[in-house]
Amino acid sequence: MSQDKLIKLICADCKRINYWTRKNKKKVERKIELKKFCKWCKKHTVHKEGKK
């Protein structure tokens, strides 16, 4: 993955960076929210797109 297009996904509960991903900024204008597993909370939580 190209480093300049990476965005980080931050857990809404513990505020830790758990995942890195990318998105098409031309088509998706809103911030991404995904439900993913957090290894620190040990449960599925909402992960939001964070700042660079």
Protein backbone atom coordinates (compact mmCIF):
# COMPACT_ATOMS: atom_id res chain seq x y z
CA MET A 1 0.00 0.00 0.00
CA SER A 2 1.14 3.48 -0.77
CA GLN A 3 2.12 5.37 2.38
CA ASP A 4 0.47 8.66 1.39
CA LYS A 5 -2.98 7.06 0.99
CA LEU A 6 -3.07 5.22 4.32
CA ILE A 7 -5.60 6.17 6.98
CA LYS A 8 -5.70 4.83 10.51
CA LEU A 9 -8.69 3.26 12.23
CA ILE A 10 -9.01 4.12 15.92
CA CYS A 11 -11.11 2.23 18.47
CA ALA A 12 -13.99 4.34 19.79
CA ASP A 13 -13.71 2.82 23.30
CA CYS A 14 -9.99 2.72 24.14
CA LYS A 15 -8.75 5.26 21.49
CA ARG A 16 -5.91 3.00 20.25
CA ILE A 17 -4.82 2.63 16.65
CA ASN A 18 -5.57 -0.95 15.63
CA TYR A 19 -5.84 -0.97 11.85
CA TRP A 20 -4.45 0.83 8.80
CA THR A 21 -6.44 0.96 5.56
CA ARG A 22 -7.04 3.12 2.50
CA LYS A 23 -10.04 4.66 0.79
CA ASN A 24 -10.86 6.29 -2.52
CA LYS A 25 -11.02 9.96 -1.52
CA LYS A 26 -12.74 10.94 -4.78
CA LYS A 27 -15.74 8.67 -4.18
CA VAL A 28 -15.92 8.52 -0.37
CA GLU A 29 -16.09 11.98 1.18
CA ARG A 30 -17.29 11.06 4.67
CA LYS A 31 -15.17 9.52 7.41
CA ILE A 32 -15.11 5.73 7.52
CA GLU A 33 -16.67 3.85 10.46
CA LEU A 34 -16.21 0.07 10.63
CA LYS A 35 -17.04 -2.46 13.31
CA LYS A 36 -13.83 -4.41 13.92
CA PHE A 37 -12.20 -6.46 16.68
CA CYS A 38 -10.07 -4.57 19.22
CA LYS A 39 -7.41 -6.74 20.83
CA TRP A 40 -7.16 -4.46 23.88
CA CYS A 41 -10.92 -4.30 24.58
CA LYS A 42 -11.24 -7.96 23.50
CA LYS A 43 -14.54 -7.31 21.70
CA HIS A 44 -15.95 -5.92 18.46
CA THR A 45 -16.18 -2.12 18.62
CA VAL A 46 -16.68 0.74 16.18
CA HIS A 47 -13.43 1.95 14.64
CA LYS A 48 -13.38 5.47 13.21
CA GLU A 49 -11.03 7.12 10.76
CA GLY A 50 -8.40 9.17 12.58
CA LYS A 51 -6.15 12.08 11.70
CA LYS A 52 -2.79 11.50 10.04
